Amino acid sequence: MKWMKIGLLIVAGLLITACTSQEDIEQSFPMSMEVEEFSAVNQDGEAVTLEDIEGDIWIADFIFTNCDTVCLPMTANMSQLQKKLKDSGLEKEVKLISFSIDPEHDTPEALTEYSQRYDADLNQWSFLTGYSQEEIELFANRSFNTPAAKAEGSNQFVHGTSFYLVSENGTVLKQYEGVSDPPFEEIISDIKKLN
C-alpha cells in the first residue's frame, strides 16, 4: 500500500511538471500563425517547399540583395546568429531561411553572391526566390503578419525587420528584433525549449 501511494505521488508530480512546462512554453511563445505552403528555389536553384523543412525548427527573415538600409545589418546579424547556433551545438537542429522580397532581381546566382559576403554556411542557411512578387507579398502578409511591398518609384522595398522563430510543424511562435541588437541568447534559449 505504501509503495502504491509513492507511485501515485510520483505520477502526480510528473503530470504537474508536464503541465507547468507546457504552460511555460505557451508563455514563451506569444504568436501562433500557420505558415502557408510556398514553392521556391534556393541559391543553388533547388526547389524548396514548406514540406521540405517540415520537422525542422527554423528562423526566417525577409531581405533583398539591392537593399541599401536594413538588410545589411539584418543579414550580418543572421550570420552572427548562425555562428552562435554552432557554438551552442544547435546547427543541426535549426535551419535559417531568408526569403527574398525582390524575386525579379534576386536570382539564385545573385543570392549565392550575396550569401558569400556574409560567410553563410549554406548547409544550414537557405536564401529563397523563384516565386512572383505578388506571391511573396501575400505570403509575408498572411504567414508572418509582416509587410513586403515595392516602394513606389524606387528599386527599394518596404518590409519587416524581424527574425521569426518557426516550429517543426510550421507555426510562427515568436518574433525578435533583427536589425539593432538582436537578442541572440533569448533566441537560443527559446530554441532549446523546443528541443
N, C-alpha and C. Protein backbone atom coordinates (compact mmCIF):
# COMPACT_ATOMS: atom_id res chain seq x y z
N MET A 1 0.83 -1.20 0.00
CA MET A 1 0.00 0.00 0.00
C MET A 1 0.87 1.26 0.00
N LYS A 2 1.94 1.21 0.81
CA LYS A 2 2.85 2.35 0.90
C LYS A 2 3.48 2.63 -0.46
N TRP A 3 3.90 1.55 -1.16
CA TRP A 3 4.54 1.71 -2.48
C TRP A 3 3.56 2.26 -3.50
N MET A 4 2.30 1.88 -3.36
CA MET A 4 1.27 2.36 -4.27
C MET A 4 1.08 3.88 -4.11
N LYS A 5 1.09 4.35 -2.86
CA LYS A 5 0.96 5.80 -2.60
C LYS A 5 2.16 6.55 -3.17
N ILE A 6 3.33 5.99 -2.97
CA ILE A 6 4.55 6.62 -3.50
C ILE A 6 4.47 6.69 -5.03
N GLY A 7 4.02 5.59 -5.62
CA GLY A 7 3.87 5.55 -7.09
C GLY A 7 2.89 6.61 -7.57
N LEU A 8 1.76 6.75 -6.88
CA LEU A 8 0.76 7.76 -7.26
C LEU A 8 1.32 9.17 -7.12
N LEU A 9 2.10 9.40 -6.06
CA LEU A 9 2.70 10.72 -5.87
C LEU A 9 3.69 11.04 -6.99
N ILE A 10 4.46 10.05 -7.40
CA ILE A 10 5.42 10.25 -8.50
C ILE A 10 4.69 10.59 -9.79
N VAL A 11 3.64 9.81 -10.09
CA VAL A 11 2.85 10.07 -11.31
C VAL A 11 2.22 11.46 -11.25
N ALA A 12 1.65 11.83 -10.11
CA ALA A 12 1.03 13.16 -9.95
C ALA A 12 2.10 14.25 -10.14
N GLY A 13 3.28 14.03 -9.59
CA GLY A 13 4.37 15.01 -9.74
C GLY A 13 4.78 15.18 -11.19
N LEU A 14 4.86 14.06 -11.92
CA LEU A 14 5.21 14.14 -13.34
C LEU A 14 4.15 14.89 -14.14
N LEU A 15 2.88 14.64 -13.83
CA LEU A 15 1.79 15.33 -14.53
C LEU A 15 1.84 16.83 -14.26
N ILE A 16 2.08 17.21 -13.02
CA ILE A 16 2.17 18.63 -12.68
C ILE A 16 3.34 19.27 -13.41
N THR A 17 4.48 18.58 -13.44
CA THR A 17 5.66 19.08 -14.14
C THR A 17 5.37 19.26 -15.62
N ALA A 18 4.70 18.28 -16.23
CA ALA A 18 4.36 18.36 -17.66
C ALA A 18 3.46 19.56 -17.92
N CYS A 19 2.46 19.78 -17.07
CA CYS A 19 1.54 20.90 -17.25
C CYS A 19 2.29 22.23 -17.11
N THR A 20 3.15 22.30 -16.13
CA THR A 20 3.89 23.53 -15.91
C THR A 20 4.78 23.85 -17.09
N SER A 21 5.51 22.85 -17.60
CA SER A 21 6.41 23.14 -18.71
C SER A 21 5.63 23.53 -19.97
N GLN A 22 4.45 22.93 -20.19
CA GLN A 22 3.62 23.30 -21.34
C GLN A 22 3.15 24.76 -21.18
N GLU A 23 2.78 25.13 -19.96
CA GLU A 23 2.35 26.50 -19.70
C GLU A 23 3.51 27.47 -19.92
N ASP A 24 4.71 27.08 -19.45
CA ASP A 24 5.90 27.91 -19.67
C ASP A 24 6.16 28.10 -21.16
N ILE A 25 6.00 27.03 -21.92
CA ILE A 25 6.22 27.11 -23.37
C ILE A 25 5.23 28.06 -24.00
N GLU A 26 3.95 27.95 -23.61
CA GLU A 26 2.93 28.84 -24.17
C GLU A 26 3.20 30.30 -23.83
N GLN A 27 3.70 30.56 -22.62
CA GLN A 27 4.03 31.93 -22.24
C GLN A 27 5.26 32.44 -22.99
N SER A 28 6.18 31.55 -23.31
CA SER A 28 7.40 31.93 -24.02
C SER A 28 7.12 32.29 -25.47
N PHE A 29 6.07 31.73 -26.05
CA PHE A 29 5.80 31.89 -27.47
C PHE A 29 4.41 32.50 -27.69
N PRO A 30 4.35 33.83 -27.74
CA PRO A 30 3.07 34.52 -27.81
C PRO A 30 2.34 34.44 -29.15
N MET A 31 3.07 34.12 -30.21
CA MET A 31 2.43 34.08 -31.53
C MET A 31 1.99 32.67 -31.86
N SER A 32 1.07 32.56 -32.79
CA SER A 32 0.66 31.24 -33.28
C SER A 32 0.01 31.40 -34.65
N MET A 33 0.88 31.51 -35.66
CA MET A 33 0.39 31.68 -37.04
C MET A 33 0.94 30.55 -37.89
N GLU A 34 0.06 29.94 -38.65
CA GLU A 34 0.49 28.84 -39.51
C GLU A 34 1.14 29.39 -40.78
N VAL A 35 2.32 28.87 -41.11
CA VAL A 35 2.98 29.26 -42.36
C VAL A 35 2.27 28.58 -43.51
N GLU A 36 1.89 29.36 -44.52
CA GLU A 36 1.22 28.81 -45.69
C GLU A 36 2.22 28.04 -46.55
N GLU A 37 1.68 27.14 -47.37
CA GLU A 37 2.51 26.44 -48.34
C GLU A 37 3.22 27.46 -49.23
N PHE A 38 4.44 27.15 -49.61
CA PHE A 38 5.14 28.00 -50.56
C PHE A 38 5.98 27.12 -51.49
N SER A 39 6.32 27.68 -52.63
CA SER A 39 7.15 26.97 -53.61
C SER A 39 8.24 27.95 -54.04
N ALA A 40 9.49 27.60 -53.81
CA ALA A 40 10.60 28.50 -54.07
C ALA A 40 11.79 27.71 -54.62
N VAL A 41 12.85 28.44 -54.93
CA VAL A 41 14.14 27.80 -55.23
C VAL A 41 15.18 28.48 -54.35
N ASN A 42 16.21 27.72 -53.98
CA ASN A 42 17.26 28.30 -53.15
C ASN A 42 18.39 28.85 -54.02
N GLN A 43 19.46 29.27 -53.38
CA GLN A 43 20.61 29.88 -54.06
C GLN A 43 21.27 28.90 -55.03
N ASP A 44 21.03 27.61 -54.88
CA ASP A 44 21.59 26.61 -55.80
C ASP A 44 20.61 26.23 -56.90
N GLY A 45 19.45 26.90 -56.93
CA GLY A 45 18.44 26.59 -57.93
C GLY A 45 17.61 25.36 -57.61
N GLU A 46 17.75 24.84 -56.37
CA GLU A 46 17.00 23.65 -55.96
C GLU A 46 15.63 24.05 -55.41
N ALA A 47 14.62 23.26 -55.74
CA ALA A 47 13.26 23.54 -55.27
C ALA A 47 13.18 23.37 -53.75
N VAL A 48 12.47 24.28 -53.10
CA VAL A 48 12.25 24.23 -51.65
C VAL A 48 10.78 24.55 -51.40
N THR A 49 10.13 23.68 -50.62
CA THR A 49 8.74 23.92 -50.22
C THR A 49 8.64 23.83 -48.71
N LEU A 50 7.49 24.17 -48.18
CA LEU A 50 7.28 24.06 -46.73
C LEU A 50 7.48 22.61 -46.28
N GLU A 51 7.04 21.68 -47.10
CA GLU A 51 7.17 20.25 -46.77
C GLU A 51 8.63 19.85 -46.60
N ASP A 52 9.53 20.48 -47.37
CA ASP A 52 10.95 20.14 -47.30
C ASP A 52 11.58 20.49 -45.95
N ILE A 53 11.03 21.50 -45.28
CA ILE A 53 11.62 21.89 -43.99
C ILE A 53 10.73 21.50 -42.81
N GLU A 54 9.68 20.74 -43.11
CA GLU A 54 8.83 20.23 -42.04
C GLU A 54 9.66 19.32 -41.14
N GLY A 55 9.49 19.46 -39.86
CA GLY A 55 10.27 18.65 -38.92
C GLY A 55 11.50 19.39 -38.42
N ASP A 56 11.79 20.56 -39.02
CA ASP A 56 12.93 21.39 -38.57
C ASP A 56 12.40 22.64 -37.88
N ILE A 57 13.12 23.07 -36.86
CA ILE A 57 12.90 24.40 -36.30
C ILE A 57 13.63 25.35 -37.24
N TRP A 58 13.04 26.52 -37.52
CA TRP A 58 13.75 27.46 -38.38
C TRP A 58 13.54 28.90 -37.94
N ILE A 59 14.51 29.72 -38.34
CA ILE A 59 14.46 31.17 -38.14
C ILE A 59 14.35 31.79 -39.52
N ALA A 60 13.34 32.63 -39.72
CA ALA A 60 13.11 33.25 -41.04
C ALA A 60 13.27 34.76 -40.96
N ASP A 61 13.66 35.33 -42.10
CA ASP A 61 13.59 36.78 -42.26
C ASP A 61 13.31 37.10 -43.73
N PHE A 62 13.07 38.38 -44.00
CA PHE A 62 12.76 38.85 -45.35
C PHE A 62 13.77 39.92 -45.73
N ILE A 63 14.46 39.70 -46.85
CA ILE A 63 15.54 40.59 -47.28
C ILE A 63 15.49 40.75 -48.79
N PHE A 64 16.34 41.64 -49.34
CA PHE A 64 16.61 41.65 -50.78
C PHE A 64 18.02 42.18 -50.98
N THR A 65 18.68 41.71 -52.02
CA THR A 65 20.12 41.94 -52.16
C THR A 65 20.49 43.36 -52.54
N ASN A 66 19.56 44.12 -53.14
CA ASN A 66 19.84 45.52 -53.50
C ASN A 66 19.48 46.50 -52.39
N CYS A 67 19.10 45.98 -51.25
CA CYS A 67 18.69 46.82 -50.11
C CYS A 67 19.87 47.70 -49.68
N ASP A 68 19.58 48.99 -49.48
CA ASP A 68 20.68 49.87 -49.06
C ASP A 68 20.49 50.37 -47.63
N THR A 69 19.61 49.70 -46.88
CA THR A 69 19.41 50.11 -45.48
C THR A 69 19.44 48.90 -44.54
N VAL A 70 18.28 48.42 -44.13
CA VAL A 70 18.19 47.46 -43.01
C VAL A 70 18.66 46.04 -43.33
N CYS A 71 18.66 45.63 -44.60
CA CYS A 71 19.03 44.24 -44.91
C CYS A 71 20.50 43.96 -44.59
N LEU A 72 21.33 44.98 -44.71
CA LEU A 72 22.77 44.76 -44.45
C LEU A 72 23.00 44.36 -43.00
N PRO A 73 22.52 45.14 -42.02
CA PRO A 73 22.71 44.68 -40.63
C PRO A 73 21.90 43.44 -40.30
N MET A 74 20.70 43.28 -40.90
CA MET A 74 19.92 42.07 -40.62
C MET A 74 20.68 40.82 -41.04
N THR A 75 21.25 40.85 -42.24
CA THR A 75 21.95 39.66 -42.73
C THR A 75 23.24 39.44 -41.94
N ALA A 76 23.92 40.51 -41.57
CA ALA A 76 25.11 40.37 -40.71
C ALA A 76 24.71 39.75 -39.37
N ASN A 77 23.57 40.16 -38.84
CA ASN A 77 23.09 39.60 -37.56
C ASN A 77 22.67 38.14 -37.70
N MET A 78 22.07 37.79 -38.84
CA MET A 78 21.71 36.39 -39.07
C MET A 78 22.99 35.54 -39.15
N SER A 79 24.03 36.10 -39.78
CA SER A 79 25.32 35.40 -39.85
C SER A 79 25.89 35.19 -38.45
N GLN A 80 25.76 36.21 -37.62
CA GLN A 80 26.23 36.10 -36.23
C GLN A 80 25.41 35.05 -35.47
N LEU A 81 24.10 35.03 -35.72
CA LEU A 81 23.25 34.01 -35.10
C LEU A 81 23.69 32.62 -35.53
N GLN A 82 24.02 32.46 -36.80
CA GLN A 82 24.47 31.15 -37.28
C GLN A 82 25.72 30.69 -36.51
N LYS A 83 26.65 31.60 -36.29
CA LYS A 83 27.86 31.26 -35.53
C LYS A 83 27.51 30.87 -34.09
N LYS A 84 26.59 31.61 -33.48
CA LYS A 84 26.19 31.33 -32.09
C LYS A 84 25.46 29.99 -31.98
N LEU A 85 24.67 29.66 -33.00
CA LEU A 85 24.00 28.35 -33.02
C LEU A 85 25.03 27.22 -33.08
N LYS A 86 26.07 27.42 -33.89
CA LYS A 86 27.14 26.43 -33.98
C LYS A 86 27.86 26.28 -32.64
N ASP A 87 28.16 27.43 -32.02
CA ASP A 87 28.84 27.40 -30.72
C ASP A 87 28.00 26.69 -29.66
N SER A 88 26.66 26.75 -29.81
CA SER A 88 25.75 26.10 -28.87
C SER A 88 25.43 24.66 -29.24
N GLY A 89 26.00 24.18 -30.35
CA GLY A 89 25.74 22.81 -30.80
C GLY A 89 24.36 22.62 -31.40
N LEU A 90 23.75 23.70 -31.89
CA LEU A 90 22.38 23.63 -32.41
C LEU A 90 22.30 23.73 -33.94
N GLU A 91 23.45 23.74 -34.61
CA GLU A 91 23.41 23.97 -36.06
C GLU A 91 22.64 22.89 -36.83
N LYS A 92 22.58 21.67 -36.28
CA LYS A 92 21.83 20.62 -36.96
C LYS A 92 20.34 20.64 -36.60
N GLU A 93 20.00 21.38 -35.53
CA GLU A 93 18.62 21.44 -35.05
C GLU A 93 17.80 22.53 -35.73
N VAL A 94 18.50 23.53 -36.29
CA VAL A 94 17.82 24.75 -36.73
C VAL A 94 18.25 25.12 -38.15
N LYS A 95 17.27 25.46 -38.99
CA LYS A 95 17.54 26.00 -40.33
C LYS A 95 17.36 27.51 -40.28
N LEU A 96 18.09 28.20 -41.12
CA LEU A 96 17.91 29.64 -41.31
C LEU A 96 17.37 29.83 -42.73
N ILE A 97 16.31 30.63 -42.85
CA ILE A 97 15.67 30.84 -44.15
C ILE A 97 15.51 32.34 -44.38
N SER A 98 16.14 32.84 -45.44
CA SER A 98 15.97 34.24 -45.83
C SER A 98 15.18 34.28 -47.13
N PHE A 99 13.98 34.84 -47.05
CA PHE A 99 13.12 34.97 -48.23
C PHE A 99 13.44 36.30 -48.92
N SER A 100 13.76 36.24 -50.20
CA SER A 100 13.94 37.48 -50.96
C SER A 100 12.56 38.06 -51.28
N ILE A 101 12.42 39.38 -51.09
CA ILE A 101 11.17 40.03 -51.47
C ILE A 101 11.32 40.75 -52.81
N ASP A 102 12.43 40.48 -53.50
CA ASP A 102 12.66 41.04 -54.84
C ASP A 102 13.02 39.89 -55.79
N PRO A 103 12.06 38.98 -56.03
CA PRO A 103 12.38 37.78 -56.80
C PRO A 103 12.80 38.06 -58.25
N GLU A 104 12.37 39.20 -58.78
CA GLU A 104 12.73 39.54 -60.17
C GLU A 104 14.24 39.78 -60.30
N HIS A 105 14.81 40.46 -59.34
CA HIS A 105 16.25 40.75 -59.36
C HIS A 105 17.07 39.65 -58.69
N ASP A 106 16.55 39.08 -57.61
CA ASP A 106 17.33 38.13 -56.80
C ASP A 106 17.25 36.71 -57.37
N THR A 107 18.06 36.49 -58.38
CA THR A 107 18.19 35.16 -58.97
C THR A 107 18.99 34.28 -58.01
N PRO A 108 18.99 32.96 -58.23
CA PRO A 108 19.86 32.11 -57.39
C PRO A 108 21.32 32.58 -57.41
N GLU A 109 21.80 33.03 -58.57
CA GLU A 109 23.20 33.49 -58.67
C GLU A 109 23.42 34.73 -57.80
N ALA A 110 22.46 35.68 -57.84
CA ALA A 110 22.57 36.90 -57.03
C ALA A 110 22.55 36.55 -55.54
N LEU A 111 21.73 35.58 -55.17
CA LEU A 111 21.64 35.18 -53.76
C LEU A 111 22.91 34.46 -53.31
N THR A 112 23.51 33.66 -54.21
CA THR A 112 24.76 32.99 -53.86
C THR A 112 25.85 34.02 -53.59
N GLU A 113 25.96 34.99 -54.47
CA GLU A 113 26.97 36.03 -54.30
C GLU A 113 26.72 36.81 -53.01
N TYR A 114 25.47 37.14 -52.75
CA TYR A 114 25.09 37.86 -51.53
C TYR A 114 25.46 37.05 -50.29
N SER A 115 25.15 35.75 -50.31
CA SER A 115 25.42 34.89 -49.14
C SER A 115 26.92 34.81 -48.84
N GLN A 116 27.74 34.88 -49.90
CA GLN A 116 29.19 34.78 -49.70
C GLN A 116 29.74 35.99 -48.96
N ARG A 117 29.09 37.14 -49.13
CA ARG A 117 29.54 38.36 -48.43
C ARG A 117 29.41 38.21 -46.92
N TYR A 118 28.54 37.30 -46.49
CA TYR A 118 28.26 37.14 -45.06
C TYR A 118 28.76 35.80 -44.51
N ASP A 119 29.61 35.12 -45.28
CA ASP A 119 30.17 33.83 -44.84
C ASP A 119 29.08 32.86 -44.41
N ALA A 120 27.96 32.85 -45.14
CA ALA A 120 26.83 31.97 -44.78
C ALA A 120 27.20 30.52 -45.03
N ASP A 121 26.94 29.67 -44.07
CA ASP A 121 27.07 28.22 -44.26
C ASP A 121 25.77 27.74 -44.89
N LEU A 122 25.83 27.45 -46.18
CA LEU A 122 24.62 27.13 -46.94
C LEU A 122 24.10 25.71 -46.68
N ASN A 123 24.79 24.96 -45.83
CA ASN A 123 24.24 23.67 -45.38
C ASN A 123 23.10 23.90 -44.39
N GLN A 124 23.11 25.05 -43.75
CA GLN A 124 22.10 25.37 -42.73
C GLN A 124 21.21 26.54 -43.16
N TRP A 125 21.75 27.45 -43.96
CA TRP A 125 21.08 28.70 -44.28
C TRP A 125 20.70 28.73 -45.75
N SER A 126 19.42 28.89 -46.05
CA SER A 126 18.93 28.95 -47.43
C SER A 126 18.41 30.35 -47.75
N PHE A 127 18.74 30.83 -48.93
CA PHE A 127 18.25 32.10 -49.46
C PHE A 127 17.27 31.75 -50.57
N LEU A 128 16.00 32.17 -50.42
CA LEU A 128 14.95 31.69 -51.32
C LEU A 128 14.43 32.77 -52.27
N THR A 129 14.07 32.32 -53.49
CA THR A 129 13.49 33.16 -54.53
C THR A 129 12.64 32.23 -55.41
N GLY A 130 12.30 32.68 -56.63
CA GLY A 130 11.62 31.78 -57.56
C GLY A 130 10.11 31.82 -57.53
N TYR A 131 9.55 32.80 -56.84
CA TYR A 131 8.10 32.99 -56.79
C TYR A 131 7.83 34.36 -57.42
N SER A 132 6.57 34.73 -57.57
CA SER A 132 6.26 36.05 -58.13
C SER A 132 6.27 37.10 -57.02
N GLN A 133 6.34 38.36 -57.42
CA GLN A 133 6.30 39.46 -56.46
C GLN A 133 5.01 39.41 -55.64
N GLU A 134 3.91 39.16 -56.32
CA GLU A 134 2.62 39.09 -55.63
C GLU A 134 2.60 37.94 -54.63
N GLU A 135 3.16 36.80 -55.00
CA GLU A 135 3.17 35.63 -54.11
C GLU A 135 3.94 35.91 -52.83
N ILE A 136 5.12 36.53 -52.93
CA ILE A 136 5.92 36.75 -51.72
C ILE A 136 5.28 37.83 -50.84
N GLU A 137 4.64 38.82 -51.47
CA GLU A 137 3.96 39.85 -50.66
C GLU A 137 2.81 39.25 -49.87
N LEU A 138 2.00 38.44 -50.53
CA LEU A 138 0.88 37.79 -49.82
C LEU A 138 1.38 36.82 -48.75
N PHE A 139 2.42 36.06 -49.09
CA PHE A 139 2.99 35.09 -48.14
C PHE A 139 3.49 35.79 -46.88
N ALA A 140 4.25 36.87 -47.04
CA ALA A 140 4.78 37.61 -45.89
C ALA A 140 3.64 38.17 -45.04
N ASN A 141 2.64 38.75 -45.72
CA ASN A 141 1.48 39.34 -45.01
C ASN A 141 0.70 38.29 -44.24
N ARG A 142 0.38 37.18 -44.90
CA ARG A 142 -0.53 36.19 -44.31
C ARG A 142 0.16 35.23 -43.35
N SER A 143 1.38 34.83 -43.65
CA SER A 143 2.05 33.83 -42.80
C SER A 143 2.81 34.46 -41.64
N PHE A 144 3.32 35.68 -41.83
CA PHE A 144 4.16 36.29 -40.80
C PHE A 144 3.62 37.64 -40.31
N ASN A 145 2.48 38.06 -40.87
CA ASN A 145 1.87 39.33 -40.49
C ASN A 145 2.87 40.48 -40.60
N THR A 146 3.65 40.46 -41.70
CA THR A 146 4.67 41.49 -41.91
C THR A 146 4.53 42.06 -43.32
N PRO A 147 4.85 43.33 -43.51
CA PRO A 147 4.72 43.92 -44.85
C PRO A 147 5.85 43.47 -45.77
N ALA A 148 5.57 43.48 -47.06
CA ALA A 148 6.57 43.25 -48.09
C ALA A 148 6.00 43.84 -49.37
N ALA A 149 6.48 45.00 -49.75
CA ALA A 149 5.92 45.67 -50.93
C ALA A 149 6.97 46.57 -51.56
N LYS A 150 6.91 46.70 -52.87
CA LYS A 150 7.83 47.58 -53.58
C LYS A 150 7.48 49.03 -53.27
N ALA A 151 8.51 49.82 -52.97
CA ALA A 151 8.29 51.24 -52.73
C ALA A 151 8.07 51.92 -54.09
N GLU A 152 7.02 52.70 -54.17
CA GLU A 152 6.64 53.33 -55.44
C GLU A 152 7.75 54.24 -55.95
N GLY A 153 8.06 54.11 -57.27
CA GLY A 153 9.06 54.95 -57.91
C GLY A 153 10.47 54.70 -57.41
N SER A 154 10.75 53.48 -56.91
CA SER A 154 12.07 53.17 -56.33
C SER A 154 12.41 51.71 -56.59
N ASN A 155 13.70 51.39 -56.47
CA ASN A 155 14.10 49.98 -56.56
C ASN A 155 14.18 49.35 -55.17
N GLN A 156 13.69 50.08 -54.16
CA GLN A 156 13.72 49.59 -52.78
C GLN A 156 12.35 49.01 -52.40
N PHE A 157 12.33 48.25 -51.30
CA PHE A 157 11.12 47.59 -50.84
C PHE A 157 10.86 47.92 -49.39
N VAL A 158 9.59 47.97 -49.04
CA VAL A 158 9.18 48.12 -47.64
C VAL A 158 8.99 46.72 -47.09
N HIS A 159 9.62 46.42 -45.96
CA HIS A 159 9.46 45.08 -45.38
C HIS A 159 9.79 45.10 -43.90
N GLY A 160 9.34 44.05 -43.22
CA GLY A 160 9.60 43.91 -41.80
C GLY A 160 11.07 43.61 -41.54
N THR A 161 11.50 43.89 -40.32
CA THR A 161 12.92 43.71 -39.98
C THR A 161 13.11 42.73 -38.82
N SER A 162 12.15 41.83 -38.66
CA SER A 162 12.22 40.86 -37.56
C SER A 162 12.81 39.53 -38.02
N PHE A 163 13.32 38.80 -37.03
CA PHE A 163 13.61 37.37 -37.20
C PHE A 163 12.42 36.64 -36.59
N TYR A 164 12.01 35.54 -37.22
CA TYR A 164 10.85 34.78 -36.77
C TYR A 164 11.25 33.36 -36.42
N LEU A 165 10.83 32.91 -35.26
CA LEU A 165 11.04 31.52 -34.85
C LEU A 165 9.84 30.69 -35.30
N VAL A 166 10.13 29.63 -36.07
CA VAL A 166 9.07 28.77 -36.60
C VAL A 166 9.29 27.34 -36.09
N SER A 167 8.22 26.73 -35.59
CA SER A 167 8.31 25.38 -35.03
C SER A 167 8.43 24.33 -36.11
N GLU A 168 8.68 23.09 -35.68
CA GLU A 168 8.83 21.96 -36.62
C GLU A 168 7.57 21.72 -37.43
N ASN A 169 6.41 22.10 -36.91
CA ASN A 169 5.17 21.87 -37.66
C ASN A 169 4.71 23.11 -38.43
N GLY A 170 5.61 24.11 -38.58
CA GLY A 170 5.30 25.25 -39.42
C GLY A 170 4.46 26.33 -38.78
N THR A 171 4.59 26.50 -37.45
CA THR A 171 3.86 27.55 -36.74
C THR A 171 4.84 28.65 -36.33
N VAL A 172 4.53 29.89 -36.69
CA VAL A 172 5.34 31.02 -36.25
C VAL A 172 5.05 31.25 -34.77
N LEU A 173 6.10 31.16 -33.94
CA LEU A 173 5.93 31.22 -32.50
C LEU A 173 6.30 32.57 -31.89
N LYS A 174 7.31 33.23 -32.49
CA LYS A 174 7.82 34.45 -31.84
C LYS A 174 8.61 35.26 -32.86
N GLN A 175 8.63 36.57 -32.66
CA GLN A 175 9.47 37.42 -33.50
C GLN A 175 10.45 38.19 -32.62
N TYR A 176 11.60 38.50 -33.21
CA TYR A 176 12.69 39.18 -32.48
C TYR A 176 13.20 40.33 -33.33
N GLU A 177 13.78 41.30 -32.68
CA GLU A 177 14.45 42.40 -33.35
C GLU A 177 15.56 41.83 -34.24
N GLY A 178 15.60 42.24 -35.50
CA GLY A 178 16.60 41.70 -36.41
C GLY A 178 17.70 42.67 -36.81
N VAL A 179 17.48 43.98 -36.60
CA VAL A 179 18.42 44.98 -37.10
C VAL A 179 19.41 45.43 -36.03
N SER A 180 18.90 45.98 -34.95
CA SER A 180 19.80 46.51 -33.93
C SER A 180 19.69 45.69 -32.65
N ASP A 181 20.79 45.11 -32.28
CA ASP A 181 20.89 44.36 -31.03
C ASP A 181 19.88 43.20 -30.92
N PRO A 182 19.91 42.25 -31.84
CA PRO A 182 19.03 41.08 -31.71
C PRO A 182 19.33 40.32 -30.41
N PRO A 183 18.30 39.75 -29.80
CA PRO A 183 18.51 39.04 -28.53
C PRO A 183 18.99 37.60 -28.77
N PHE A 184 20.23 37.45 -29.15
CA PHE A 184 20.76 36.13 -29.54
C PHE A 184 20.56 35.08 -28.45
N GLU A 185 20.87 35.44 -27.21
CA GLU A 185 20.76 34.46 -26.12
C GLU A 185 19.31 34.03 -25.91
N GLU A 186 18.38 34.96 -26.05
CA GLU A 186 16.96 34.64 -25.92
C GLU A 186 16.52 33.69 -27.05
N ILE A 187 16.98 33.96 -28.26
CA ILE A 187 16.64 33.10 -29.39
C ILE A 187 17.14 31.68 -29.14
N ILE A 188 18.39 31.57 -28.71
CA ILE A 188 18.96 30.24 -28.45
C ILE A 188 18.23 29.54 -27.31
N SER A 189 17.91 30.29 -26.26
CA SER A 189 17.16 29.72 -25.14
C SER A 189 15.78 29.23 -25.60
N ASP A 190 15.12 30.01 -26.44
CA ASP A 190 13.79 29.60 -26.95
C ASP A 190 13.89 28.35 -27.81
N ILE A 191 14.93 28.27 -28.63
CA ILE A 191 15.12 27.07 -29.46
C ILE A 191 15.31 25.84 -28.57
N LYS A 192 16.07 25.99 -27.51
CA LYS A 192 16.31 24.86 -26.58
C LYS A 192 15.01 24.40 -25.93
N LYS A 193 14.09 25.33 -25.68
CA LYS A 193 12.80 24.95 -25.09
C LYS A 193 11.99 24.05 -26.03
N LEU A 194 12.25 24.17 -27.33
CA LEU A 194 11.50 23.37 -28.30
C LEU A 194 12.13 22.00 -28.54
N ASN A 195 13.35 21.79 -28.07
CA ASN A 195 14.05 20.50 -28.29
C ASN A 195 13.64 19.47 -27.25
